[in-house]
């Protein structure tokens, strides 16, 4: 439980570091296809546009995993906070009579 809280607390740094690792590995495994005939034609006719394509390719290998990891860590954070609140309520109400027991996010039967 404590490890999960630490991971959630540093979710931005973790997603940034993991996306860097994923980007480096992905660029090693699937480098920019410079030997492609059409990209070779673009590099001869418009070298600035070719450079922009190459940099965009590399940038997307880093930004896409960062975005997906950030969303995943945020979803984990949201679910973790809900369970954490329920644990606190159950712990606080432990000594009370069961007729007085309240659970947050649920209505009491009257």
PDB file of N, CA and C in Angstrom:
ATOM      1  N   UNK A   1       0.828  -1.189   0.000  1.00  0.00           N
ATOM      2  CA  UNK A   1       0.000   0.000   0.000  1.00  0.00           C
ATOM      3  C   UNK A   1       0.877   1.260   0.000  1.00  0.00           C
ATOM      4  N   UNK A   2       1.957   1.232   0.792  1.00  0.00           N
ATOM      5  CA  UNK A   2       2.837   2.395   0.861  1.00  0.00           C
ATOM      6  C   UNK A   2       3.582   2.567  -0.456  1.00  0.00           C
ATOM      7  N   UNK A   3       4.015   1.453  -1.055  1.00  0.00           N
ATOM      8  CA  UNK A   3       4.694   1.523  -2.344  1.00  0.00           C
ATOM      9  C   UNK A   3       3.780   2.129  -3.406  1.00  0.00           C
ATOM     10  N   UNK A   4       2.504   1.757  -3.369  1.00  0.00           N
ATOM     11  CA  UNK A   4       1.543   2.300  -4.338  1.00  0.00           C
ATOM     12  C   UNK A   4       1.392   3.805  -4.156  1.00  0.00           C
ATOM     13  N   UNK A   5       1.355   4.262  -2.914  1.00  0.00           N
ATOM     14  CA  UNK A   5       1.223   5.705  -2.667  1.00  0.00           C
ATOM     15  C   UNK A   5       2.441   6.469  -3.160  1.00  0.00           C
ATOM     16  N   UNK A   6       3.630   5.894  -2.975  1.00  0.00           N
ATOM     17  CA  UNK A   6       4.857   6.545  -3.455  1.00  0.00           C
ATOM     18  C   UNK A   6       4.844   6.605  -4.982  1.00  0.00           C
ATOM     19  N   UNK A   7       4.452   5.504  -5.624  1.00  0.00           N
ATOM     20  CA  UNK A   7       4.379   5.493  -7.084  1.00  0.00           C
ATOM     21  C   UNK A   7       3.379   6.515  -7.600  1.00  0.00           C
ATOM     22  N   UNK A   8       2.246   6.626  -6.930  1.00  0.00           N
ATOM     23  CA  UNK A   8       1.220   7.579  -7.348  1.00  0.00           C
ATOM     24  C   UNK A   8       1.673   9.012  -7.093  1.00  0.00           C
ATOM     25  N   UNK A   9       2.394   9.229  -6.004  1.00  0.00           N
ATOM     26  CA  UNK A   9       2.858  10.571  -5.676  1.00  0.00           C
ATOM     27  C   UNK A   9       3.834  11.090  -6.732  1.00  0.00           C
ATOM     28  N   UNK A  10       4.669  10.215  -7.260  1.00  0.00           N
ATOM     29  CA  UNK A  10       5.656  10.610  -8.257  1.00  0.00           C
ATOM     30  C   UNK A  10       5.268  10.142  -9.652  1.00  0.00           C
ATOM     31  N   UNK A  11       3.979  10.147  -9.952  1.00  0.00           N
ATOM     32  CA  UNK A  11       3.491   9.620 -11.227  1.00  0.00           C
ATOM     33  C   UNK A  11       3.988  10.426 -12.421  1.00  0.00           C
ATOM     34  N   UNK A  12       4.132  11.725 -12.281  1.00  0.00           N
ATOM     35  CA  UNK A  12       4.599  12.542 -13.407  1.00  0.00           C
ATOM     36  C   UNK A  12       6.055  12.215 -13.740  1.00  0.00           C
ATOM     37  N   UNK A  13       6.885  12.124 -12.714  1.00  0.00           N
ATOM     38  CA  UNK A  13       8.298  11.819 -12.927  1.00  0.00           C
ATOM     39  C   UNK A  13       8.461  10.410 -13.494  1.00  0.00           C
ATOM     40  N   UNK A  14       7.677   9.473 -12.974  1.00  0.00           N
ATOM     41  CA  UNK A  14       7.739   8.102 -13.477  1.00  0.00           C
ATOM     42  C   UNK A  14       7.305   8.013 -14.932  1.00  0.00           C
ATOM     43  N   UNK A  15       6.221   8.698 -15.284  1.00  0.00           N
ATOM     44  CA  UNK A  15       5.771   8.652 -16.676  1.00  0.00           C
ATOM     45  C   UNK A  15       6.796   9.318 -17.597  1.00  0.00           C
ATOM     46  N   UNK A  16       7.448  10.357 -17.118  1.00  0.00           N
ATOM     47  CA  UNK A  16       8.480  11.016 -17.918  1.00  0.00           C
ATOM     48  C   UNK A  16       9.684  10.101 -18.118  1.00  0.00           C
ATOM     49  N   UNK A  17      10.129   9.457 -17.060  1.00  0.00           N
ATOM     50  CA  UNK A  17      11.291   8.561 -17.160  1.00  0.00           C
ATOM     51  C   UNK A  17      10.980   7.336 -18.011  1.00  0.00           C
ATOM     52  N   UNK A  18       9.815   6.732 -17.797  1.00  0.00           N
ATOM     53  CA  UNK A  18       9.450   5.554 -18.581  1.00  0.00           C
ATOM     54  C   UNK A  18       9.253   5.882 -20.057  1.00  0.00           C
ATOM     55  N   UNK A  19       8.705   7.046 -20.341  1.00  0.00           N
ATOM     56  CA  UNK A  19       8.543   7.426 -21.752  1.00  0.00           C
ATOM     57  C   UNK A  19       9.891   7.680 -22.409  1.00  0.00           C
ATOM     58  N   UNK A  20      10.849   8.184 -21.644  1.00  0.00           N
ATOM     59  CA  UNK A  20      12.200   8.341 -22.188  1.00  0.00           C
ATOM     60  C   UNK A  20      12.834   7.005 -22.520  1.00  0.00           C
ATOM     61  N   UNK A  21      12.674   6.052 -21.623  1.00  0.00           N
ATOM     62  CA  UNK A  21      13.218   4.719 -21.870  1.00  0.00           C
ATOM     63  C   UNK A  21      12.525   4.067 -23.063  1.00  0.00           C
ATOM     64  N   UNK A  22      11.208   4.159 -23.117  1.00  0.00           N
ATOM     65  CA  UNK A  22      10.451   3.584 -24.235  1.00  0.00           C
ATOM     66  C   UNK A  22      10.847   4.245 -25.551  1.00  0.00           C
ATOM     67  N   UNK A  23      11.014   5.571 -25.538  1.00  0.00           N
ATOM     68  CA  UNK A  23      11.398   6.279 -26.753  1.00  0.00           C
ATOM     69  C   UNK A  23      12.768   5.872 -27.262  1.00  0.00           C
ATOM     70  N   UNK A  24      13.723   5.730 -26.360  1.00  0.00           N
ATOM     71  CA  UNK A  24      15.077   5.332 -26.773  1.00  0.00           C
ATOM     72  C   UNK A  24      15.071   3.914 -27.333  1.00  0.00           C
ATOM     73  N   UNK A  25      14.392   3.003 -26.641  1.00  0.00           N
ATOM     74  CA  UNK A  25      14.326   1.616 -27.118  1.00  0.00           C
ATOM     75  C   UNK A  25      13.611   1.538 -28.461  1.00  0.00           C
ATOM     76  N   UNK A  26      12.508   2.267 -28.598  1.00  0.00           N
ATOM     77  CA  UNK A  26      11.737   2.228 -29.844  1.00  0.00           C
ATOM     78  C   UNK A  26      12.538   2.805 -31.013  1.00  0.00           C
ATOM     79  N   UNK A  27      13.278   3.879 -30.777  1.00  0.00           N
ATOM     80  CA  UNK A  27      14.089   4.440 -31.859  1.00  0.00           C
ATOM     81  C   UNK A  27      15.239   3.522 -32.242  1.00  0.00           C
ATOM     82  N   UNK A  28      15.723   2.721 -31.303  1.00  0.00           N
ATOM     83  CA  UNK A  28      16.758   1.738 -31.633  1.00  0.00           C
ATOM     84  C   UNK A  28      16.173   0.579 -32.442  1.00  0.00           C
ATOM     85  N   UNK A  29      14.964   0.147 -32.047  1.00  0.00           N
ATOM     86  CA  UNK A  29      14.338  -0.976 -32.744  1.00  0.00           C
ATOM     87  C   UNK A  29      13.751  -0.577 -34.099  1.00  0.00           C
ATOM     88  N   UNK A  30      13.109   0.588 -34.154  1.00  0.00           N
ATOM     89  CA  UNK A  30      12.481   1.069 -35.388  1.00  0.00           C
ATOM     90  C   UNK A  30      12.976   2.478 -35.716  1.00  0.00           C
ATOM     91  N   UNK A  31      14.167   2.597 -36.274  1.00  0.00           N
ATOM     92  CA  UNK A  31      14.700   3.936 -36.596  1.00  0.00           C
ATOM     93  C   UNK A  31      13.911   4.573 -37.745  1.00  0.00           C
ATOM     94  N   UNK A  32      14.168   5.848 -37.931  1.00  0.00           N
ATOM     95  CA  UNK A  32      13.504   6.576 -39.014  1.00  0.00           C
ATOM     96  C   UNK A  32      13.877   5.931 -40.345  1.00  0.00           C
ATOM     97  N   UNK A  33      12.894   5.620 -41.193  1.00  0.00           N
ATOM     98  CA  UNK A  33      13.174   4.912 -42.457  1.00  0.00           C
ATOM     99  C   UNK A  33      13.783   5.836 -43.508  1.00  0.00           C
ATOM    100  N   UNK A  34      15.023   6.209 -43.330  1.00  0.00           N
ATOM    101  CA  UNK A  34      15.684   7.141 -44.240  1.00  0.00           C
ATOM    102  C   UNK A  34      15.936   6.536 -45.612  1.00  0.00           C
ATOM    103  N   UNK A  35      15.978   5.203 -45.719  1.00  0.00           N
ATOM    104  CA  UNK A  35      16.241   4.564 -47.008  1.00  0.00           C
ATOM    105  C   UNK A  35      14.984   4.444 -47.872  1.00  0.00           C
ATOM    106  N   UNK A  36      13.855   4.907 -47.365  1.00  0.00           N
ATOM    107  CA  UNK A  36      12.624   4.885 -48.139  1.00  0.00           C
ATOM    108  C   UNK A  36      12.771   5.783 -49.375  1.00  0.00           C
ATOM    109  N   UNK A  37      12.302   5.306 -50.524  1.00  0.00           N
ATOM    110  CA  UNK A  37      12.454   6.043 -51.789  1.00  0.00           C
ATOM    111  C   UNK A  37      11.740   7.387 -51.737  1.00  0.00           C
ATOM    112  N   UNK A  38      10.539   7.383 -51.208  1.00  0.00           N
ATOM    113  CA  UNK A  38       9.766   8.634 -51.174  1.00  0.00           C
ATOM    114  C   UNK A  38      10.382   9.645 -50.208  1.00  0.00           C
ATOM    115  N   UNK A  39      10.886   9.162 -49.089  1.00  0.00           N
ATOM    116  CA  UNK A  39      11.556  10.069 -48.161  1.00  0.00           C
ATOM    117  C   UNK A  39      12.871  10.586 -48.747  1.00  0.00           C
ATOM    118  N   UNK A  40      13.538   9.756 -49.543  1.00  0.00           N
ATOM    119  CA  UNK A  40      14.745  10.220 -50.237  1.00  0.00           C
ATOM    120  C   UNK A  40      14.430  11.330 -51.220  1.00  0.00           C
ATOM    121  N   UNK A  41      13.313  11.214 -51.912  1.00  0.00           N
ATOM    122  CA  UNK A  41      12.883  12.263 -52.844  1.00  0.00           C
ATOM    123  C   UNK A  41      12.546  13.546 -52.092  1.00  0.00           C
ATOM    124  N   UNK A  42      11.884  13.407 -50.952  1.00  0.00           N
ATOM    125  CA  UNK A  42      11.569  14.586 -50.135  1.00  0.00           C
ATOM    126  C   UNK A  42      12.848  15.236 -49.630  1.00  0.00           C
ATOM    127  N   UNK A  43      13.839  14.415 -49.248  1.00  0.00           N
ATOM    128  CA  UNK A  43      15.082  14.997 -48.734  1.00  0.00           C
ATOM    129  C   UNK A  43      15.850  15.750 -49.815  1.00  0.00           C
ATOM    130  N   UNK A  44      15.726  15.327 -51.088  1.00  0.00           N
ATOM    131  CA  UNK A  44      16.401  16.033 -52.175  1.00  0.00           C
ATOM    132  C   UNK A  44      15.684  17.322 -52.554  1.00  0.00           C
ATOM    133  N   UNK A  45      14.372  17.267 -52.576  1.00  0.00           N
ATOM    134  CA  UNK A  45      13.613  18.444 -53.020  1.00  0.00           C
ATOM    135  C   UNK A  45      13.387  19.472 -51.913  1.00  0.00           C
ATOM    136  N   UNK A  46      13.072  18.980 -50.721  1.00  0.00           N
ATOM    137  CA  UNK A  46      12.777  19.887 -49.604  1.00  0.00           C
ATOM    138  C   UNK A  46      13.457  19.368 -48.337  1.00  0.00           C
ATOM    139  N   UNK A  47      14.713  19.694 -48.145  1.00  0.00           N
ATOM    140  CA  UNK A  47      15.462  19.155 -46.997  1.00  0.00           C
ATOM    141  C   UNK A  47      14.922  19.620 -45.641  1.00  0.00           C
ATOM    142  N   UNK A  48      14.356  20.811 -45.592  1.00  0.00           N
ATOM    143  CA  UNK A  48      13.817  21.303 -44.316  1.00  0.00           C
ATOM    144  C   UNK A  48      12.598  20.469 -43.923  1.00  0.00           C
ATOM    145  N   UNK A  49      11.760  20.164 -44.880  1.00  0.00           N
ATOM    146  CA  UNK A  49      10.576  19.348 -44.602  1.00  0.00           C
ATOM    147  C   UNK A  49      10.989  17.923 -44.204  1.00  0.00           C
ATOM    148  N   UNK A  50      12.027  17.402 -44.826  1.00  0.00           N
ATOM    149  CA  UNK A  50      12.536  16.075 -44.470  1.00  0.00           C
ATOM    150  C   UNK A  50      13.047  16.063 -43.025  1.00  0.00           C
ATOM    151  N   UNK A  51      13.781  17.093 -42.654  1.00  0.00           N
ATOM    152  CA  UNK A  51      14.276  17.193 -41.279  1.00  0.00           C
ATOM    153  C   UNK A  51      13.111  17.299 -40.298  1.00  0.00           C
ATOM    154  N   UNK A  52      12.079  18.049 -40.681  1.00  0.00           N
ATOM    155  CA  UNK A  52      10.904  18.170 -39.820  1.00  0.00           C
ATOM    156  C   UNK A  52      10.217  16.815 -39.646  1.00  0.00           C
ATOM    157  N   UNK A  53      10.131  16.039 -40.712  1.00  0.00           N
ATOM    158  CA  UNK A  53       9.543  14.699 -40.609  1.00  0.00           C
ATOM    159  C   UNK A  53      10.372  13.794 -39.697  1.00  0.00           C
ATOM    160  N   UNK A  54      11.688  13.864 -39.830  1.00  0.00           N
ATOM    161  CA  UNK A  54      12.560  13.029 -39.003  1.00  0.00           C
ATOM    162  C   UNK A  54      12.445  13.402 -37.524  1.00  0.00           C
ATOM    163  N   UNK A  55      12.429  14.691 -37.220  1.00  0.00           N
ATOM    164  CA  UNK A  55      12.300  15.123 -35.831  1.00  0.00           C
ATOM    165  C   UNK A  55      10.912  14.821 -35.277  1.00  0.00           C
ATOM    166  N   UNK A  56       9.887  14.948 -36.107  1.00  0.00           N
ATOM    167  CA  UNK A  56       8.532  14.622 -35.664  1.00  0.00           C
ATOM    168  C   UNK A  56       8.415  13.138 -35.347  1.00  0.00           C
ATOM    169  N   UNK A  57       9.022  12.295 -36.172  1.00  0.00           N
ATOM    170  CA  UNK A  57       9.026  10.858 -35.935  1.00  0.00           C
ATOM    171  C   UNK A  57       9.642  10.539 -34.572  1.00  0.00           C
ATOM    172  N   UNK A  58      10.781  11.142 -34.300  1.00  0.00           N
ATOM    173  CA  UNK A  58      11.455  10.902 -33.021  1.00  0.00           C
ATOM    174  C   UNK A  58      10.651  11.470 -31.853  1.00  0.00           C
ATOM    175  N   UNK A  59      10.085  12.643 -32.028  1.00  0.00           N
ATOM    176  CA  UNK A  59       9.310  13.274 -30.966  1.00  0.00           C
ATOM    177  C   UNK A  59       8.084  12.449 -30.607  1.00  0.00           C
ATOM    178  N   UNK A  60       7.434  11.884 -31.603  1.00  0.00           N
ATOM    179  CA  UNK A  60       6.246  11.076 -31.334  1.00  0.00           C
ATOM    180  C   UNK A  60       6.575   9.802 -30.561  1.00  0.00           C
ATOM    181  N   UNK A  61       7.778   9.250 -30.735  1.00  0.00           N
ATOM    182  CA  UNK A  61       8.162   8.070 -29.969  1.00  0.00           C
ATOM    183  C   UNK A  61       8.327   8.397 -28.489  1.00  0.00           C
ATOM    184  N   UNK A  62       8.557   9.657 -28.145  1.00  0.00           N
ATOM    185  CA  UNK A  62       8.686  10.039 -26.747  1.00  0.00           C
ATOM    186  C   UNK A  62       7.391  10.602 -26.169  1.00  0.00           C
ATOM    187  N   UNK A  63       6.648  11.360 -26.961  1.00  0.00           N
ATOM    188  CA  UNK A  63       5.458  12.023 -26.426  1.00  0.00           C
ATOM    189  C   UNK A  63       4.256  11.094 -26.298  1.00  0.00           C
ATOM    190  N   UNK A  64       4.103  10.151 -27.205  1.00  0.00           N
ATOM    191  CA  UNK A  64       2.951   9.246 -27.132  1.00  0.00           C
ATOM    192  C   UNK A  64       3.007   8.351 -25.896  1.00  0.00           C
ATOM    193  N   UNK A  65       4.136   7.699 -25.597  1.00  0.00           N
ATOM    194  CA  UNK A  65       4.170   6.915 -24.348  1.00  0.00           C
ATOM    195  C   UNK A  65       3.984   7.780 -23.107  1.00  0.00           C
ATOM    196  N   UNK A  66       4.501   9.007 -23.136  1.00  0.00           N
ATOM    197  CA  UNK A  66       4.320   9.891 -21.986  1.00  0.00           C
ATOM    198  C   UNK A  66       2.843  10.178 -21.762  1.00  0.00           C
ATOM    199  N   UNK A  67       2.125  10.468 -22.830  1.00  0.00           N
ATOM    200  CA  UNK A  67       0.701  10.766 -22.709  1.00  0.00           C
ATOM    201  C   UNK A  67      -0.062   9.549 -22.198  1.00  0.00           C
ATOM    202  N   UNK A  68       0.194   8.383 -22.761  1.00  0.00           N
ATOM    203  CA  UNK A  68      -0.510   7.171 -22.346  1.00  0.00           C
ATOM    204  C   UNK A  68      -0.173   6.784 -20.904  1.00  0.00           C
ATOM    205  N   UNK A  69       1.080   6.908 -20.523  1.00  0.00           N
ATOM    206  CA  UNK A  69       1.462   6.595 -19.147  1.00  0.00           C
ATOM    207  C   UNK A  69       0.869   7.601 -18.161  1.00  0.00           C
ATOM    208  N   UNK A  70       0.807   8.844 -18.553  1.00  0.00           N
ATOM    209  CA  UNK A  70       0.212   9.865 -17.701  1.00  0.00           C
ATOM    210  C   UNK A  70      -1.266   9.583 -17.467  1.00  0.00           C
ATOM    211  N   UNK A  71      -1.976   9.195 -18.517  1.00  0.00           N
ATOM    212  CA  UNK A  71      -3.393   8.846 -18.377  1.00  0.00           C
ATOM    213  C   UNK A  71      -3.541   7.614 -17.482  1.00  0.00           C
ATOM    214  N   UNK A  72      -2.707   6.605 -17.699  1.00  0.00           N
ATOM    215  CA  UNK A  72      -2.788   5.386 -16.895  1.00  0.00           C
ATOM    216  C   UNK A  72      -2.516   5.670 -15.417  1.00  0.00           C
ATOM    217  N   UNK A  73      -1.477   6.451 -15.129  1.00  0.00           N
ATOM    218  CA  UNK A  73      -1.181   6.781 -13.736  1.00  0.00           C
ATOM    219  C   UNK A  73      -2.281   7.642 -13.119  1.00  0.00           C
ATOM    220  N   UNK A  74      -2.908   8.505 -13.893  1.00  0.00           N
ATOM    221  CA  UNK A  74      -4.006   9.314 -13.364  1.00  0.00           C
ATOM    222  C   UNK A  74      -5.221   8.457 -13.045  1.00  0.00           C
ATOM    223  N   UNK A  75      -5.507   7.469 -13.879  1.00  0.00           N
ATOM    224  CA  UNK A  75      -6.612   6.555 -13.589  1.00  0.00           C
ATOM    225  C   UNK A  75      -6.329   5.728 -12.336  1.00  0.00           C
ATOM    226  N   UNK A  76      -5.099   5.289 -12.187  1.00  0.00           N
ATOM    227  CA  UNK A  76      -4.716   4.553 -10.980  1.00  0.00           C
ATOM    228  C   UNK A  76      -4.837   5.456  -9.763  1.00  0.00           C
ATOM    229  N   UNK A  77      -4.434   6.713  -9.898  1.00  0.00           N
ATOM    230  CA  UNK A  77      -4.535   7.679  -8.813  1.00  0.00           C
ATOM    231  C   UNK A  77      -5.985   7.872  -8.393  1.00  0.00           C
ATOM    232  N   UNK A  78      -6.880   8.003  -9.368  1.00  0.00           N
ATOM    233  CA  UNK A  78      -8.296   8.205  -9.056  1.00  0.00           C
ATOM    234  C   UNK A  78      -8.873   7.008  -8.316  1.00  0.00           C
ATOM    235  N   UNK A  79      -8.596   5.820  -8.784  1.00  0.00           N
ATOM    236  CA  UNK A  79      -9.130   4.637  -8.105  1.00  0.00           C
ATOM    237  C   UNK A  79      -8.473   4.445  -6.744  1.00  0.00           C
ATOM    238  N   UNK A  80      -7.207   4.763  -6.623  1.00  0.00           N
ATOM    239  CA  UNK A  80      -6.498   4.628  -5.352  1.00  0.00           C
ATOM    240  C   UNK A  80      -7.090   5.581  -4.317  1.00  0.00           C
ATOM    241  N   UNK A  81      -7.420   6.791  -4.691  1.00  0.00           N
ATOM    242  CA  UNK A  81      -7.984   7.754  -3.753  1.00  0.00           C
ATOM    243  C   UNK A  81      -9.347   7.296  -3.261  1.00  0.00           C
ATOM    244  N   UNK A  82     -10.148   6.706  -4.135  1.00  0.00           N
ATOM    245  CA  UNK A  82     -11.469   6.219  -3.732  1.00  0.00           C
ATOM    246  C   UNK A  82     -11.326   5.108  -2.690  1.00  0.00           C
ATOM    247  N   UNK A  83     -10.435   4.151  -2.932  1.00  0.00           N
ATOM    248  CA  UNK A  83     -10.251   3.057  -1.987  1.00  0.00           C
ATOM    249  C   UNK A  83      -9.621   3.550  -0.693  1.00  0.00           C
ATOM    250  N   UNK A  84      -8.760   4.546  -0.783  1.00  0.00           N
ATOM    251  CA  UNK A  84      -8.131   5.092   0.413  1.00  0.00           C
ATOM    252  C   UNK A  84      -9.178   5.745   1.311  1.00  0.00           C
ATOM    253  N   UNK A  85     -10.124   6.493   0.713  1.00  0.00           N
ATOM    254  CA  UNK A  85     -11.184   7.119   1.501  1.00  0.00           C
ATOM    255  C   UNK A  85     -12.077   6.076   2.157  1.00  0.00           C
ATOM    256  N   UNK A  86     -12.393   5.000   1.458  1.00  0.00           N
ATOM    257  CA  UNK A  86     -13.216   3.948   2.033  1.00  0.00           C
ATOM    258  C   UNK A  86     -12.501   3.268   3.194  1.00  0.00           C
ATOM    259  N   UNK A  87     -11.195   3.056   3.087  1.00  0.00           N
ATOM    260  CA  UNK A  87     -10.426   2.445   4.172  1.00  0.00           C
ATOM    261  C   UNK A  87     -10.442   3.324   5.414  1.00  0.00           C
ATOM    262  N   UNK A  88     -10.308   4.628   5.234  1.00  0.00           N
ATOM    263  CA  UNK A  88     -10.313   5.545   6.373  1.00  0.00           C
ATOM    264  C   UNK A  88     -11.663   5.497   7.072  1.00  0.00           C
ATOM    265  N   UNK A  89     -12.763   5.504   6.315  1.00  0.00           N
ATOM    266  CA  UNK A  89     -14.093   5.500   6.906  1.00  0.00           C
ATOM    267  C   UNK A  89     -14.343   4.218   7.678  1.00  0.00           C
ATOM    268  N   UNK A  90     -13.971   3.100   7.126  1.00  0.00           N
ATOM    269  CA  UNK A  90     -14.157   1.826   7.817  1.00  0.00           C
ATOM    270  C   UNK A  90     -13.320   1.793   9.088  1.00  0.00           C
ATOM    271  N   UNK A  91     -12.101   2.317   9.042  1.00  0.00           N
ATOM    272  CA  UNK A  91     -11.236   2.339  10.218  1.00  0.00           C
ATOM    273  C   UNK A  91     -11.809   3.258  11.294  1.00  0.00           C
ATOM    274  N   UNK A  92     -12.320   4.423  10.914  1.00  0.00           N
ATOM    275  CA  UNK A  92     -12.870   5.361  11.887  1.00  0.00           C
ATOM    276  C   UNK A  92     -14.149   4.830  12.520  1.00  0.00           C
ATOM    277  N   UNK A  93     -14.943   4.103  11.792  1.00  0.00           N
ATOM    278  CA  UNK A  93     -16.220   3.603  12.298  1.00  0.00           C
ATOM    279  C   UNK A  93     -16.094   2.222  12.938  1.00  0.00           C
ATOM    280  N   UNK A  94     -14.926   1.711  13.092  1.00  0.00           N
ATOM    281  CA  UNK A  94     -14.733   0.349  13.586  1.00  0.00           C
ATOM    282  C   UNK A  94     -15.289   0.162  15.001  1.00  0.00           C
ATOM    283  N   UNK A  95     -15.119   1.139  15.875  1.00  0.00           N
ATOM    284  CA  UNK A  95     -15.546   0.997  17.259  1.00  0.00           C
ATOM    285  C   UNK A  95     -17.015   1.289  17.487  1.00  0.00           C
ATOM    286  N   UNK A  96     -17.738   1.790  16.524  1.00  0.00           N
ATOM    287  CA  UNK A  96     -19.140   2.156  16.701  1.00  0.00           C
ATOM    288  C   UNK A  96     -20.063   0.968  16.543  1.00  0.00           C
ATOM    289  N   UNK A  97     -21.283   1.183  16.953  1.00  0.00           N
ATOM    290  CA  UNK A  97     -22.321   0.182  16.764  1.00  0.00           C
ATOM    291  C   UNK A  97     -22.622   0.069  15.268  1.00  0.00           C
ATOM    292  N   UNK A  98     -22.970  -1.121  14.817  1.00  0.00           N
ATOM    293  CA  UNK A  98     -23.195  -1.326  13.382  1.00  0.00           C
ATOM    294  C   UNK A  98     -24.389  -0.546  12.863  1.00  0.00           C
ATOM    295  N   UNK A  99     -25.340  -0.160  13.733  1.00  0.00           N
ATOM    296  CA  UNK A  99     -26.500   0.612  13.269  1.00  0.00           C
ATOM    297  C   UNK A  99     -26.101   2.042  12.918  1.00  0.00           C
ATOM    298  N   UNK A 100     -24.990   2.533  13.491  1.00  0.00           N
ATOM    299  CA  UNK A 100     -24.528   3.891  13.194  1.00  0.00           C
ATOM    300  C   UNK A 100     -23.509   3.924  12.070  1.00  0.00           C
ATOM    301  N   UNK A 101     -23.169   2.770  11.553  1.00  0.00           N
ATOM    302  CA  UNK A 101     -22.106   2.679  10.542  1.00  0.00           C
ATOM    303  C   UNK A 101     -22.523   3.365   9.246  1.00  0.00           C
ATOM    304  N   UNK A 102     -21.684   4.279   8.753  1.00  0.00           N
ATOM    305  CA  UNK A 102     -21.917   4.962   7.496  1.00  0.00           C
ATOM    306  C   UNK A 102     -20.766   4.673   6.545  1.00  0.00           C
ATOM    307  N   UNK A 103     -21.098   4.468   5.299  1.00  0.00           N
ATOM    308  CA  UNK A 103     -20.078   4.297   4.269  1.00  0.00           C
ATOM    309  C   UNK A 103     -20.215   5.478   3.323  1.00  0.00           C
ATOM    310  N   UNK A 104     -19.134   6.193   3.024  1.00  0.00           N
ATOM    311  CA  UNK A 104     -19.261   7.333   2.111  1.00  0.00           C
ATOM    312  C   UNK A 104     -19.678   6.875   0.727  1.00  0.00           C
ATOM    313  N   UNK A 105     -20.283   7.780  -0.008  1.00  0.00           N
ATOM    314  CA  UNK A 105     -20.756   7.558  -1.365  1.00  0.00           C
ATOM    315  C   UNK A 105     -21.935   6.602  -1.409  1.00  0.00           C
ATOM    316  N   UNK A 106     -22.537   6.274  -0.291  1.00  0.00           N
ATOM    317  CA  UNK A 106     -23.722   5.416  -0.262  1.00  0.00           C
ATOM    318  C   UNK A 106     -24.736   6.024   0.702  1.00  0.00           C
ATOM    319  N   UNK A 107     -26.002   5.894   0.393  1.00  0.00           N
ATOM    320  CA  UNK A 107     -27.046   6.445   1.274  1.00  0.00           C
ATOM    321  C   UNK A 107     -27.357   5.478   2.396  1.00  0.00           C
ATOM    322  N   UNK A 108     -27.680   6.060   3.525  1.00  0.00           N
ATOM    323  CA  UNK A 108     -28.064   5.266   4.689  1.00  0.00           C
ATOM    324  C   UNK A 108     -29.535   4.892   4.574  1.00  0.00           C
ATOM    325  N   UNK A 109     -29.864   3.663   4.896  1.00  0.00           N
ATOM    326  CA  UNK A 109     -31.270   3.242   4.877  1.00  0.00           C
ATOM    327  C   UNK A 109     -31.942   3.739   6.142  1.00  0.00           C
ATOM    328  N   UNK A 110     -33.064   4.388   5.964  1.00  0.00           N
ATOM    329  CA  UNK A 110     -33.765   4.950   7.139  1.00  0.00           C
ATOM    330  C   UNK A 110     -35.075   4.286   7.353  1.00  0.00           C
TER     331      UNK A 110
END
